[in-house]
Amino acid sequence: MSKIVHPYAHRLVILRDWKSRWFADPKKYCDYLKGDVLIREYLEKKLRGMYISTIEIERSQKTTRFMIRTSRPGLIIGRNGEGATKLKEEILKKMAKLNLPKSEDFKLEIIEVPNPEADAAIVAYMIAEGLEKRMPYRRVIKQVIEKVMTARGVEGARVVLSGRLGGAEIARTEELKKGSIPLQTFRADIDFKREKAHLPYGDVGIKVWIYRGKIFSEKKKTEENK
């Protein structure tokens, strides 16, 4: 029988890096891991609607860095950086409330995603937003896939919706695919994301795969040198 592996985990170390980067002594490991999971969940819930791609966490002995990648940084930063300052304070409050270990220096960085149509997390939220506005689901996924395929560097896209589509009594799945998605190829740069659209008659699950071409070691080195 075939095994379904998460496309991100499948390419860890080969193409992808960990979303949490730190080393801890065995006594602090559980606290750090718990902290990362809870804070990431809190931020994903709080920043829903702000087109968040990923939330990365870096820890060293004295500093903790939270890097939020988004296609609309202005929504988070706010006027004169007020939003970013407020968010930083809220994260520190949440950490104190959960009794999580705090470092001396805390940094919050908001990074802009240059090509949002080629990012699975942002595309998945765009679909969820369309469904929550009660638009016809077939039209939503068709428009989004056409937009994704016109984005720079995208060679394939696949969207799967599952749940009570159109308010039907019986849940089912609907799929739309364009281009190629080589899931077994390690050097294939495939971005994947799961999302939920919250509707009056229940949640609709959304899965998005975006294939952005193959990455070769020579190409990677030249990109790093640039």
N, C-alpha and C. Protein backbone atom coordinates (compact mmCIF):
# COMPACT_ATOMS: atom_id res chain seq x y z
N MET A 1 0.83 -1.21 0.00
CA MET A 1 0.00 0.00 0.00
C MET A 1 0.87 1.26 0.00
N SER A 2 0.38 2.26 -0.69
CA SER A 2 1.16 3.50 -0.75
C SER A 2 0.97 4.30 0.54
N LYS A 3 1.96 5.09 0.88
CA LYS A 3 1.91 5.94 2.07
C LYS A 3 1.84 7.40 1.64
N ILE A 4 0.95 8.15 2.26
CA ILE A 4 0.84 9.58 1.94
C ILE A 4 1.74 10.34 2.90
N VAL A 5 2.73 11.04 2.35
CA VAL A 5 3.69 11.80 3.15
C VAL A 5 3.46 13.29 2.90
N HIS A 6 3.59 14.08 3.96
CA HIS A 6 3.44 15.54 3.82
C HIS A 6 4.55 16.06 2.92
N PRO A 7 4.21 16.78 1.82
CA PRO A 7 5.25 17.25 0.88
C PRO A 7 6.34 18.09 1.52
N TYR A 8 6.02 18.82 2.60
CA TYR A 8 7.02 19.64 3.28
C TYR A 8 8.01 18.74 4.03
N ALA A 9 7.48 17.82 4.83
CA ALA A 9 8.33 16.91 5.63
C ALA A 9 9.16 16.01 4.72
N HIS A 10 8.60 15.66 3.58
CA HIS A 10 9.27 14.76 2.62
C HIS A 10 10.56 15.38 2.08
N ARG A 11 10.61 16.72 2.07
CA ARG A 11 11.78 17.42 1.48
C ARG A 11 12.61 18.17 2.52
N LEU A 12 12.37 17.88 3.80
CA LEU A 12 13.16 18.53 4.85
C LEU A 12 14.64 18.21 4.68
N VAL A 13 15.48 19.19 4.88
CA VAL A 13 16.95 19.12 4.76
C VAL A 13 17.37 19.12 3.28
N ILE A 14 16.61 18.45 2.40
CA ILE A 14 16.97 18.43 0.97
C ILE A 14 16.69 19.80 0.35
N LEU A 15 15.43 20.25 0.47
CA LEU A 15 15.05 21.57 -0.07
C LEU A 15 14.56 22.53 1.00
N ARG A 16 13.97 21.98 2.06
CA ARG A 16 13.33 22.81 3.08
C ARG A 16 14.14 22.87 4.37
N ASP A 17 13.89 23.92 5.14
CA ASP A 17 14.52 24.04 6.45
C ASP A 17 13.40 23.92 7.50
N TRP A 18 13.78 23.65 8.76
CA TRP A 18 12.79 23.54 9.83
C TRP A 18 12.14 24.89 10.09
N LYS A 19 10.86 24.88 10.49
CA LYS A 19 10.15 26.13 10.80
C LYS A 19 10.50 26.65 12.19
N SER A 20 11.06 25.76 13.04
CA SER A 20 11.59 26.18 14.34
C SER A 20 13.06 25.79 14.37
N ARG A 21 13.92 26.76 14.63
CA ARG A 21 15.37 26.48 14.61
C ARG A 21 15.98 26.87 15.94
N TRP A 22 16.36 25.86 16.72
CA TRP A 22 17.02 26.10 18.01
C TRP A 22 17.59 24.80 18.55
N PHE A 23 18.55 24.94 19.49
CA PHE A 23 19.11 23.81 20.22
C PHE A 23 18.83 24.06 21.70
N ALA A 24 18.38 23.03 22.40
CA ALA A 24 18.08 23.21 23.83
C ALA A 24 18.62 22.03 24.61
N ASP A 25 18.94 22.29 25.89
CA ASP A 25 19.35 21.16 26.73
C ASP A 25 18.10 20.32 27.03
N PRO A 26 18.27 19.02 27.32
CA PRO A 26 17.10 18.12 27.49
C PRO A 26 16.05 18.61 28.47
N LYS A 27 16.45 19.40 29.48
CA LYS A 27 15.49 19.88 30.48
C LYS A 27 14.52 20.92 29.88
N LYS A 28 15.02 21.74 28.93
CA LYS A 28 14.20 22.81 28.38
C LYS A 28 13.47 22.41 27.09
N TYR A 29 13.82 21.27 26.55
CA TYR A 29 13.29 20.86 25.24
C TYR A 29 11.76 20.87 25.21
N CYS A 30 11.12 20.25 26.21
CA CYS A 30 9.65 20.14 26.26
C CYS A 30 9.00 21.53 26.32
N ASP A 31 9.59 22.42 27.13
CA ASP A 31 9.04 23.78 27.26
C ASP A 31 9.12 24.55 25.96
N TYR A 32 10.27 24.44 25.28
CA TYR A 32 10.45 25.15 24.01
C TYR A 32 9.48 24.62 22.95
N LEU A 33 9.36 23.31 22.87
CA LEU A 33 8.49 22.68 21.87
C LEU A 33 7.03 23.06 22.12
N LYS A 34 6.60 22.98 23.37
CA LYS A 34 5.24 23.35 23.75
C LYS A 34 4.98 24.82 23.41
N GLY A 35 5.98 25.67 23.75
CA GLY A 35 5.87 27.10 23.47
C GLY A 35 5.70 27.39 22.00
N ASP A 36 6.53 26.75 21.16
CA ASP A 36 6.45 26.96 19.70
C ASP A 36 5.09 26.57 19.15
N VAL A 37 4.59 25.42 19.57
CA VAL A 37 3.30 24.91 19.06
C VAL A 37 2.16 25.84 19.48
N LEU A 38 2.12 26.21 20.77
CA LEU A 38 1.01 27.04 21.28
C LEU A 38 1.03 28.46 20.71
N ILE A 39 2.23 29.05 20.63
CA ILE A 39 2.33 30.43 20.11
C ILE A 39 2.01 30.46 18.62
N ARG A 40 2.47 29.43 17.89
CA ARG A 40 2.17 29.37 16.45
C ARG A 40 0.66 29.24 16.21
N GLU A 41 0.00 28.39 17.00
CA GLU A 41 -1.46 28.22 16.90
C GLU A 41 -2.18 29.54 17.22
N TYR A 42 -1.71 30.22 18.27
CA TYR A 42 -2.30 31.49 18.69
C TYR A 42 -2.17 32.54 17.59
N LEU A 43 -0.97 32.63 16.99
CA LEU A 43 -0.74 33.64 15.94
C LEU A 43 -1.54 33.33 14.68
N GLU A 44 -1.63 32.03 14.31
CA GLU A 44 -2.39 31.65 13.12
C GLU A 44 -3.86 32.03 13.27
N LYS A 45 -4.39 31.86 14.49
CA LYS A 45 -5.79 32.19 14.76
C LYS A 45 -5.98 33.71 14.77
N LYS A 46 -5.05 34.41 15.42
CA LYS A 46 -5.15 35.87 15.58
C LYS A 46 -4.96 36.60 14.24
N LEU A 47 -4.00 36.12 13.44
CA LEU A 47 -3.67 36.81 12.20
C LEU A 47 -4.41 36.24 10.98
N ARG A 48 -5.45 35.45 11.23
CA ARG A 48 -6.24 34.92 10.11
C ARG A 48 -6.88 36.09 9.36
N GLY A 49 -6.72 36.10 8.05
CA GLY A 49 -7.26 37.21 7.26
C GLY A 49 -6.17 38.19 6.85
N MET A 50 -4.94 37.96 7.33
CA MET A 50 -3.84 38.86 6.99
C MET A 50 -2.85 38.21 6.02
N TYR A 51 -3.30 37.15 5.34
CA TYR A 51 -2.54 36.47 4.29
C TYR A 51 -1.15 36.04 4.78
N ILE A 52 -1.14 35.22 5.84
CA ILE A 52 0.10 34.72 6.42
C ILE A 52 0.58 33.49 5.66
N SER A 53 1.86 33.47 5.32
CA SER A 53 2.45 32.31 4.65
C SER A 53 3.02 31.34 5.69
N THR A 54 4.06 31.75 6.41
CA THR A 54 4.64 30.90 7.45
C THR A 54 5.03 31.74 8.67
N ILE A 55 5.12 31.05 9.81
CA ILE A 55 5.61 31.68 11.05
C ILE A 55 6.84 30.87 11.47
N GLU A 56 8.01 31.49 11.40
CA GLU A 56 9.26 30.80 11.74
C GLU A 56 9.78 31.32 13.09
N ILE A 57 10.37 30.40 13.85
CA ILE A 57 10.89 30.77 15.18
C ILE A 57 12.36 30.37 15.27
N GLU A 58 13.18 31.32 15.69
CA GLU A 58 14.62 31.07 15.88
C GLU A 58 14.97 31.41 17.32
N ARG A 59 15.68 30.51 17.97
CA ARG A 59 16.09 30.78 19.36
C ARG A 59 17.60 30.60 19.50
N SER A 60 18.21 31.49 20.27
CA SER A 60 19.60 31.30 20.68
C SER A 60 19.61 31.47 22.21
N GLN A 61 20.78 31.49 22.80
CA GLN A 61 20.85 31.60 24.27
C GLN A 61 20.20 32.87 24.80
N LYS A 62 20.38 33.98 24.06
CA LYS A 62 19.89 35.26 24.57
C LYS A 62 18.74 35.87 23.76
N THR A 63 18.55 35.41 22.52
CA THR A 63 17.51 36.04 21.68
C THR A 63 16.49 35.02 21.16
N THR A 64 15.27 35.53 20.95
CA THR A 64 14.21 34.77 20.29
C THR A 64 13.69 35.62 19.15
N ARG A 65 13.65 35.04 17.94
CA ARG A 65 13.17 35.78 16.77
C ARG A 65 11.93 35.10 16.20
N PHE A 66 10.89 35.88 16.02
CA PHE A 66 9.68 35.40 15.35
C PHE A 66 9.63 36.06 13.97
N MET A 67 9.61 35.25 12.91
CA MET A 67 9.56 35.79 11.56
C MET A 67 8.22 35.44 10.92
N ILE A 68 7.42 36.45 10.67
CA ILE A 68 6.10 36.24 10.07
C ILE A 68 6.17 36.65 8.60
N ARG A 69 5.95 35.68 7.72
CA ARG A 69 5.97 35.96 6.27
C ARG A 69 4.54 36.17 5.80
N THR A 70 4.30 37.31 5.16
CA THR A 70 2.96 37.67 4.71
C THR A 70 3.00 38.42 3.39
N SER A 71 1.91 38.34 2.63
CA SER A 71 1.88 39.08 1.35
C SER A 71 1.38 40.52 1.56
N ARG A 72 0.81 40.79 2.77
CA ARG A 72 0.33 42.14 3.07
C ARG A 72 0.91 42.61 4.41
N PRO A 73 2.19 42.96 4.43
CA PRO A 73 2.83 43.35 5.70
C PRO A 73 2.21 44.59 6.33
N GLY A 74 1.66 45.48 5.51
CA GLY A 74 1.06 46.72 6.02
C GLY A 74 -0.08 46.47 6.99
N LEU A 75 -0.83 45.36 6.79
CA LEU A 75 -1.95 45.03 7.68
C LEU A 75 -1.46 44.73 9.09
N ILE A 76 -0.29 44.09 9.19
CA ILE A 76 0.24 43.71 10.51
C ILE A 76 1.01 44.88 11.13
N ILE A 77 1.85 45.52 10.32
CA ILE A 77 2.71 46.60 10.85
C ILE A 77 1.87 47.79 11.32
N GLY A 78 0.84 48.14 10.55
CA GLY A 78 -0.04 49.27 10.91
C GLY A 78 0.64 50.61 10.68
N ARG A 79 -0.06 51.66 11.06
CA ARG A 79 0.48 53.02 10.86
C ARG A 79 1.61 53.29 11.85
N ASN A 80 2.73 53.75 11.35
CA ASN A 80 3.95 54.05 12.14
C ASN A 80 4.41 52.86 13.01
N GLY A 81 4.11 51.64 12.56
CA GLY A 81 4.58 50.45 13.27
C GLY A 81 3.83 50.12 14.55
N GLU A 82 2.65 50.74 14.74
CA GLU A 82 1.87 50.51 15.97
C GLU A 82 1.39 49.06 16.08
N GLY A 83 0.94 48.52 14.95
CA GLY A 83 0.42 47.15 14.93
C GLY A 83 1.47 46.12 15.33
N ALA A 84 2.71 46.31 14.82
CA ALA A 84 3.80 45.37 15.12
C ALA A 84 4.18 45.44 16.60
N THR A 85 4.20 46.67 17.17
CA THR A 85 4.53 46.85 18.59
C THR A 85 3.47 46.18 19.47
N LYS A 86 2.20 46.38 19.10
CA LYS A 86 1.08 45.80 19.85
C LYS A 86 1.14 44.26 19.80
N LEU A 87 1.42 43.73 18.60
CA LEU A 87 1.50 42.27 18.42
C LEU A 87 2.64 41.69 19.25
N LYS A 88 3.78 42.38 19.28
CA LYS A 88 4.93 41.94 20.07
C LYS A 88 4.57 41.85 21.56
N GLU A 89 3.87 42.88 22.04
CA GLU A 89 3.44 42.90 23.45
C GLU A 89 2.47 41.75 23.75
N GLU A 90 1.56 41.48 22.81
CA GLU A 90 0.57 40.41 22.98
C GLU A 90 1.24 39.04 23.02
N ILE A 91 2.27 38.85 22.19
CA ILE A 91 3.00 37.57 22.18
C ILE A 91 3.70 37.37 23.53
N LEU A 92 4.34 38.44 24.03
CA LEU A 92 5.04 38.36 25.33
C LEU A 92 4.05 38.08 26.48
N LYS A 93 2.86 38.70 26.40
CA LYS A 93 1.81 38.46 27.42
C LYS A 93 1.36 37.01 27.38
N LYS A 94 1.17 36.49 26.16
CA LYS A 94 0.72 35.10 25.98
C LYS A 94 1.77 34.13 26.52
N MET A 95 3.04 34.44 26.26
CA MET A 95 4.13 33.59 26.75
C MET A 95 4.18 33.59 28.29
N ALA A 96 3.94 34.76 28.87
CA ALA A 96 3.93 34.87 30.34
C ALA A 96 2.74 34.10 30.93
N LYS A 97 1.59 34.19 30.25
CA LYS A 97 0.38 33.50 30.70
C LYS A 97 0.55 31.98 30.68
N LEU A 98 1.26 31.50 29.66
CA LEU A 98 1.45 30.04 29.51
C LEU A 98 2.69 29.54 30.27
N ASN A 99 3.36 30.44 30.99
CA ASN A 99 4.59 30.12 31.75
C ASN A 99 5.69 29.53 30.85
N LEU A 100 5.87 30.17 29.69
CA LEU A 100 6.89 29.69 28.74
C LEU A 100 8.21 30.41 29.00
N PRO A 101 9.35 29.74 28.73
CA PRO A 101 10.64 30.40 28.98
C PRO A 101 10.85 31.59 28.05
N LYS A 102 11.27 32.72 28.64
CA LYS A 102 11.49 33.94 27.85
C LYS A 102 12.97 34.27 27.81
N SER A 103 13.45 34.73 26.66
CA SER A 103 14.85 35.13 26.54
C SER A 103 14.99 36.63 26.81
N GLU A 104 16.23 37.08 26.94
CA GLU A 104 16.48 38.49 27.26
C GLU A 104 16.01 39.41 26.13
N ASP A 105 16.30 39.01 24.91
CA ASP A 105 15.99 39.84 23.74
C ASP A 105 14.92 39.15 22.89
N PHE A 106 13.83 39.84 22.60
CA PHE A 106 12.75 39.29 21.77
C PHE A 106 12.58 40.15 20.53
N LYS A 107 12.64 39.52 19.36
CA LYS A 107 12.53 40.28 18.10
C LYS A 107 11.36 39.74 17.27
N LEU A 108 10.61 40.65 16.67
CA LEU A 108 9.51 40.28 15.78
C LEU A 108 9.80 40.88 14.41
N GLU A 109 9.90 40.03 13.41
CA GLU A 109 10.20 40.49 12.05
C GLU A 109 9.04 40.15 11.14
N ILE A 110 8.62 41.12 10.34
CA ILE A 110 7.54 40.88 9.38
C ILE A 110 8.14 40.98 7.98
N ILE A 111 8.11 39.87 7.26
CA ILE A 111 8.76 39.77 5.95
C ILE A 111 7.70 39.64 4.86
N GLU A 112 7.88 40.39 3.79
CA GLU A 112 6.92 40.36 2.68
C GLU A 112 7.20 39.18 1.75
N VAL A 113 6.13 38.50 1.33
CA VAL A 113 6.24 37.39 0.36
C VAL A 113 6.18 38.02 -1.03
N PRO A 114 7.25 37.88 -1.84
CA PRO A 114 7.27 38.60 -3.13
C PRO A 114 6.30 38.06 -4.18
N ASN A 115 6.01 36.75 -4.13
CA ASN A 115 5.16 36.14 -5.16
C ASN A 115 4.01 35.36 -4.48
N PRO A 116 2.98 36.07 -3.98
CA PRO A 116 1.95 35.40 -3.17
C PRO A 116 1.15 34.33 -3.90
N GLU A 117 0.97 34.47 -5.23
CA GLU A 117 0.18 33.48 -5.99
C GLU A 117 0.89 32.13 -6.09
N ALA A 118 2.21 32.10 -5.78
CA ALA A 118 2.96 30.85 -5.82
C ALA A 118 3.15 30.27 -4.42
N ASP A 119 2.44 30.81 -3.43
CA ASP A 119 2.54 30.35 -2.05
C ASP A 119 1.26 29.62 -1.66
N ALA A 120 1.38 28.34 -1.31
CA ALA A 120 0.21 27.50 -1.05
C ALA A 120 -0.64 28.01 0.12
N ALA A 121 0.00 28.51 1.20
CA ALA A 121 -0.75 28.98 2.38
C ALA A 121 -1.64 30.17 2.03
N ILE A 122 -1.10 31.10 1.24
CA ILE A 122 -1.86 32.30 0.86
C ILE A 122 -2.98 31.92 -0.11
N VAL A 123 -2.68 31.02 -1.05
CA VAL A 123 -3.68 30.57 -2.02
C VAL A 123 -4.82 29.84 -1.31
N ALA A 124 -4.48 28.99 -0.33
CA ALA A 124 -5.49 28.25 0.43
C ALA A 124 -6.41 29.21 1.18
N TYR A 125 -5.83 30.29 1.74
CA TYR A 125 -6.66 31.26 2.45
C TYR A 125 -7.56 32.02 1.46
N MET A 126 -7.05 32.31 0.25
CA MET A 126 -7.85 33.00 -0.77
C MET A 126 -9.10 32.18 -1.11
N ILE A 127 -8.92 30.84 -1.19
CA ILE A 127 -10.05 29.95 -1.48
C ILE A 127 -11.04 29.96 -0.31
N ALA A 128 -10.50 29.86 0.93
CA ALA A 128 -11.34 29.88 2.13
C ALA A 128 -12.15 31.17 2.20
N GLU A 129 -11.50 32.28 1.87
CA GLU A 129 -12.17 33.59 1.90
C GLU A 129 -13.32 33.64 0.91
N GLY A 130 -13.08 33.09 -0.29
CA GLY A 130 -14.12 33.05 -1.33
C GLY A 130 -15.31 32.21 -0.89
N LEU A 131 -15.03 31.04 -0.28
CA LEU A 131 -16.10 30.16 0.18
C LEU A 131 -16.89 30.79 1.33
N GLU A 132 -16.18 31.48 2.23
CA GLU A 132 -16.85 32.14 3.38
C GLU A 132 -17.72 33.30 2.93
N LYS A 133 -17.44 33.85 1.74
CA LYS A 133 -18.29 34.92 1.18
C LYS A 133 -19.48 34.33 0.43
N ARG A 134 -19.63 33.00 0.53
CA ARG A 134 -20.73 32.23 -0.07
C ARG A 134 -20.72 32.27 -1.59
N MET A 135 -19.52 32.35 -2.19
CA MET A 135 -19.40 32.28 -3.65
C MET A 135 -19.45 30.82 -4.09
N PRO A 136 -19.89 30.52 -5.33
CA PRO A 136 -19.93 29.12 -5.79
C PRO A 136 -18.53 28.50 -5.77
N TYR A 137 -18.40 27.33 -5.14
CA TYR A 137 -17.08 26.75 -4.91
C TYR A 137 -16.33 26.41 -6.21
N ARG A 138 -17.06 25.98 -7.26
CA ARG A 138 -16.39 25.63 -8.53
C ARG A 138 -15.76 26.88 -9.15
N ARG A 139 -16.49 28.00 -9.10
CA ARG A 139 -15.97 29.25 -9.66
C ARG A 139 -14.73 29.71 -8.87
N VAL A 140 -14.80 29.57 -7.56
CA VAL A 140 -13.69 30.01 -6.69
C VAL A 140 -12.41 29.27 -7.04
N ILE A 141 -12.48 27.91 -7.07
CA ILE A 141 -11.24 27.15 -7.31
C ILE A 141 -10.73 27.33 -8.74
N LYS A 142 -11.67 27.50 -9.69
CA LYS A 142 -11.27 27.71 -11.09
C LYS A 142 -10.52 29.03 -11.24
N GLN A 143 -11.08 30.10 -10.66
CA GLN A 143 -10.44 31.43 -10.75
C GLN A 143 -9.08 31.43 -10.07
N VAL A 144 -9.00 30.79 -8.88
CA VAL A 144 -7.74 30.77 -8.12
C VAL A 144 -6.67 29.98 -8.88
N ILE A 145 -7.03 28.83 -9.43
CA ILE A 145 -6.03 28.01 -10.16
C ILE A 145 -5.53 28.75 -11.39
N GLU A 146 -6.42 29.47 -12.09
CA GLU A 146 -6.00 30.25 -13.26
C GLU A 146 -5.02 31.35 -12.85
N LYS A 147 -5.29 31.98 -11.72
CA LYS A 147 -4.41 33.04 -11.20
C LYS A 147 -3.05 32.45 -10.81
N VAL A 148 -3.06 31.26 -10.17
CA VAL A 148 -1.82 30.60 -9.73
C VAL A 148 -0.97 30.22 -10.94
N MET A 149 -1.60 29.70 -11.98
CA MET A 149 -0.86 29.24 -13.17
C MET A 149 -0.21 30.40 -13.94
N THR A 150 -0.74 31.61 -13.77
CA THR A 150 -0.12 32.77 -14.44
C THR A 150 1.04 33.34 -13.63
N ALA A 151 1.19 32.89 -12.36
CA ALA A 151 2.28 33.39 -11.49
C ALA A 151 3.64 32.92 -11.99
N ARG A 152 4.67 33.69 -11.68
CA ARG A 152 6.03 33.40 -12.13
C ARG A 152 6.56 32.12 -11.51
N GLY A 153 7.07 31.20 -12.33
CA GLY A 153 7.73 29.99 -11.84
C GLY A 153 6.80 28.83 -11.50
N VAL A 154 5.50 28.99 -11.62
CA VAL A 154 4.56 27.90 -11.28
C VAL A 154 4.36 26.99 -12.49
N GLU A 155 4.53 25.67 -12.26
CA GLU A 155 4.39 24.69 -13.34
C GLU A 155 3.20 23.76 -13.15
N GLY A 156 2.58 23.81 -11.98
CA GLY A 156 1.42 22.95 -11.74
C GLY A 156 0.73 23.33 -10.45
N ALA A 157 -0.58 23.06 -10.39
CA ALA A 157 -1.35 23.35 -9.18
C ALA A 157 -2.49 22.35 -9.04
N ARG A 158 -2.81 22.03 -7.79
CA ARG A 158 -3.92 21.11 -7.52
C ARG A 158 -4.66 21.59 -6.28
N VAL A 159 -5.98 21.59 -6.34
CA VAL A 159 -6.82 22.00 -5.21
C VAL A 159 -7.85 20.91 -4.95
N VAL A 160 -7.99 20.53 -3.68
CA VAL A 160 -9.01 19.55 -3.29
C VAL A 160 -9.87 20.16 -2.19
N LEU A 161 -11.19 20.17 -2.42
CA LEU A 161 -12.13 20.63 -1.40
C LEU A 161 -12.90 19.42 -0.88
N SER A 162 -13.14 19.36 0.42
CA SER A 162 -13.92 18.25 0.96
C SER A 162 -14.81 18.73 2.09
N GLY A 163 -16.06 18.26 2.08
CA GLY A 163 -17.03 18.67 3.08
C GLY A 163 -18.40 18.82 2.46
N ARG A 164 -19.27 19.55 3.12
CA ARG A 164 -20.63 19.75 2.62
C ARG A 164 -20.62 20.87 1.58
N LEU A 165 -20.14 20.54 0.39
CA LEU A 165 -19.99 21.53 -0.67
C LEU A 165 -21.35 22.01 -1.16
N GLY A 166 -21.51 23.33 -1.22
CA GLY A 166 -22.77 23.91 -1.66
C GLY A 166 -23.91 23.66 -0.69
N GLY A 167 -23.59 23.28 0.55
CA GLY A 167 -24.61 23.04 1.57
C GLY A 167 -25.31 21.70 1.43
N ALA A 168 -24.74 20.78 0.63
CA ALA A 168 -25.35 19.46 0.42
C ALA A 168 -25.38 18.66 1.72
N GLU A 169 -26.33 17.75 1.82
CA GLU A 169 -26.48 16.94 3.04
C GLU A 169 -25.32 15.97 3.22
N ILE A 170 -24.86 15.41 2.10
CA ILE A 170 -23.79 14.40 2.16
C ILE A 170 -22.47 15.05 1.76
N ALA A 171 -21.45 14.87 2.59
CA ALA A 171 -20.12 15.44 2.31
C ALA A 171 -19.48 14.72 1.14
N ARG A 172 -18.73 15.45 0.33
CA ARG A 172 -18.01 14.84 -0.80
C ARG A 172 -16.75 15.64 -1.09
N THR A 173 -15.99 15.19 -2.07
CA THR A 173 -14.76 15.92 -2.43
C THR A 173 -14.83 16.40 -3.88
N GLU A 174 -14.21 17.51 -4.12
CA GLU A 174 -14.13 18.10 -5.46
C GLU A 174 -12.67 18.45 -5.71
N GLU A 175 -12.16 18.11 -6.88
CA GLU A 175 -10.73 18.34 -7.18
C GLU A 175 -10.56 19.03 -8.51
N LEU A 176 -9.56 19.92 -8.57
CA LEU A 176 -9.21 20.58 -9.82
C LEU A 176 -7.69 20.64 -9.92
N LYS A 177 -7.16 20.24 -11.07
CA LYS A 177 -5.70 20.15 -11.24
C LYS A 177 -5.29 20.71 -12.58
N LYS A 178 -4.18 21.43 -12.59
CA LYS A 178 -3.59 21.94 -13.84
C LYS A 178 -2.09 21.76 -13.80
N GLY A 179 -1.50 21.36 -14.91
CA GLY A 179 -0.05 21.15 -14.95
C GLY A 179 0.34 19.85 -14.26
N SER A 180 1.62 19.72 -13.92
CA SER A 180 2.12 18.48 -13.30
C SER A 180 2.49 18.72 -11.84
N ILE A 181 2.33 17.66 -11.01
CA ILE A 181 2.72 17.73 -9.60
C ILE A 181 3.48 16.45 -9.27
N PRO A 182 4.80 16.41 -9.45
CA PRO A 182 5.59 15.18 -9.17
C PRO A 182 5.89 15.03 -7.67
N LEU A 183 4.97 14.42 -6.92
CA LEU A 183 5.09 14.32 -5.46
C LEU A 183 6.27 13.46 -5.00
N GLN A 184 6.67 12.48 -5.82
CA GLN A 184 7.74 11.56 -5.41
C GLN A 184 9.14 12.11 -5.69
N THR A 185 9.24 13.16 -6.53
CA THR A 185 10.55 13.71 -6.89
C THR A 185 11.07 14.62 -5.77
N PHE A 186 12.22 14.27 -5.20
CA PHE A 186 12.77 15.04 -4.09
C PHE A 186 13.13 16.47 -4.49
N ARG A 187 13.69 16.64 -5.68
CA ARG A 187 14.14 17.98 -6.07
C ARG A 187 13.00 18.86 -6.60
N ALA A 188 11.78 18.32 -6.66
CA ALA A 188 10.62 19.12 -7.08
C ALA A 188 10.22 20.04 -5.94
N ASP A 189 10.15 21.32 -6.22
CA ASP A 189 9.79 22.32 -5.20
C ASP A 189 8.26 22.39 -5.10
N ILE A 190 7.70 21.59 -4.18
CA ILE A 190 6.24 21.54 -4.03
C ILE A 190 5.84 22.17 -2.70
N ASP A 191 4.97 23.16 -2.80
CA ASP A 191 4.45 23.82 -1.60
C ASP A 191 3.07 23.26 -1.32
N PHE A 192 2.78 22.97 -0.04
CA PHE A 192 1.51 22.34 0.33
C PHE A 192 0.94 23.00 1.58
N LYS A 193 -0.39 23.13 1.60
CA LYS A 193 -1.04 23.71 2.78
C LYS A 193 -2.46 23.18 2.94
N ARG A 194 -2.83 22.97 4.21
CA ARG A 194 -4.23 22.63 4.55
C ARG A 194 -4.88 23.86 5.19
N GLU A 195 -6.15 24.06 4.88
CA GLU A 195 -6.89 25.20 5.44
C GLU A 195 -8.34 24.79 5.63
N LYS A 196 -9.08 25.55 6.46
CA LYS A 196 -10.51 25.29 6.67
C LYS A 196 -11.30 26.55 6.36
N ALA A 197 -12.42 26.37 5.67
CA ALA A 197 -13.36 27.48 5.47
C ALA A 197 -14.52 27.26 6.43
N HIS A 198 -14.77 28.22 7.31
CA HIS A 198 -15.82 28.09 8.33
C HIS A 198 -17.14 28.59 7.76
N LEU A 199 -18.06 27.65 7.50
CA LEU A 199 -19.35 27.98 6.89
C LEU A 199 -20.49 27.65 7.86
N PRO A 200 -21.69 28.24 7.66
CA PRO A 200 -22.80 28.01 8.62
C PRO A 200 -23.18 26.53 8.78
N TYR A 201 -23.02 25.75 7.72
CA TYR A 201 -23.42 24.33 7.76
C TYR A 201 -22.22 23.40 8.03
N GLY A 202 -21.09 23.96 8.47
CA GLY A 202 -19.93 23.13 8.80
C GLY A 202 -18.67 23.61 8.11
N ASP A 203 -17.55 23.05 8.49
CA ASP A 203 -16.26 23.43 7.88
C ASP A 203 -16.02 22.68 6.57
N VAL A 204 -15.39 23.37 5.64
CA VAL A 204 -14.98 22.74 4.37
C VAL A 204 -13.46 22.69 4.36
N GLY A 205 -12.91 21.51 4.18
CA GLY A 205 -11.45 21.34 4.16
C GLY A 205 -10.88 21.71 2.81
N ILE A 206 -9.72 22.37 2.83
CA ILE A 206 -9.06 22.80 1.59
C ILE A 206 -7.62 22.29 1.61
N LYS A 207 -7.20 21.67 0.52
CA LYS A 207 -5.80 21.26 0.37
C LYS A 207 -5.27 21.87 -0.92
N VAL A 208 -4.08 22.45 -0.86
CA VAL A 208 -3.48 23.11 -2.03
C VAL A 208 -2.06 22.61 -2.23
N TRP A 209 -1.76 22.16 -3.45
CA TRP A 209 -0.39 21.80 -3.85
C TRP A 209 0.03 22.76 -4.96
N ILE A 210 1.22 23.32 -4.88
CA ILE A 210 1.74 24.19 -5.95
C ILE A 210 3.15 23.71 -6.31
N TYR A 211 3.34 23.39 -7.58
CA TYR A 211 4.65 22.91 -8.06
C TYR A 211 5.39 24.06 -8.73
N ARG A 212 6.59 24.39 -8.18
CA ARG A 212 7.34 25.55 -8.65
C ARG A 212 8.63 25.17 -9.37
N GLY A 213 8.63 24.04 -10.05
CA GLY A 213 9.81 23.61 -10.82
C GLY A 213 10.80 22.84 -9.98
N LYS A 214 11.83 22.30 -10.64
CA LYS A 214 12.84 21.50 -9.95
C LYS A 214 14.00 22.38 -9.51
N ILE A 215 14.57 22.03 -8.35
CA ILE A 215 15.73 22.77 -7.84
C ILE A 215 16.94 21.85 -7.91
N PHE A 216 17.97 22.30 -8.60
CA PHE A 216 19.22 21.53 -8.70
C PHE A 216 20.28 22.21 -7.84
N SER A 217 21.26 21.42 -7.41
CA SER A 217 22.29 21.95 -6.49
C SER A 217 23.05 23.13 -7.09
N GLU A 218 23.34 23.07 -8.41
CA GLU A 218 24.09 24.18 -9.06
C GLU A 218 23.27 25.46 -9.02
N LYS A 219 21.97 25.29 -9.33
CA LYS A 219 21.05 26.43 -9.33
C LYS A 219 20.96 27.03 -7.93
N LYS A 220 20.93 26.13 -6.92
CA LYS A 220 20.82 26.55 -5.53
C LYS A 220 22.04 27.38 -5.12
N LYS A 221 23.26 26.89 -5.55
CA LYS A 221 24.51 27.58 -5.20
C LYS A 221 24.54 28.98 -5.79
N THR A 222 24.10 29.11 -7.08
CA THR A 222 24.11 30.42 -7.73
C THR A 222 23.16 31.38 -7.04
N GLU A 223 22.00 30.84 -6.59
CA GLU A 223 21.03 31.68 -5.87
C GLU A 223 21.61 32.16 -4.54
N GLU A 224 22.35 31.25 -3.85
CA GLU A 224 22.97 31.61 -2.57
C GLU A 224 24.06 32.67 -2.77
N ASN A 225 24.85 32.51 -3.88
CA ASN A 225 25.91 33.48 -4.17
C ASN A 225 25.35 34.87 -4.45
N LYS A 226 24.16 34.87 -5.13
CA LYS A 226 23.51 36.17 -5.45
C LYS A 226 23.13 36.89 -4.16
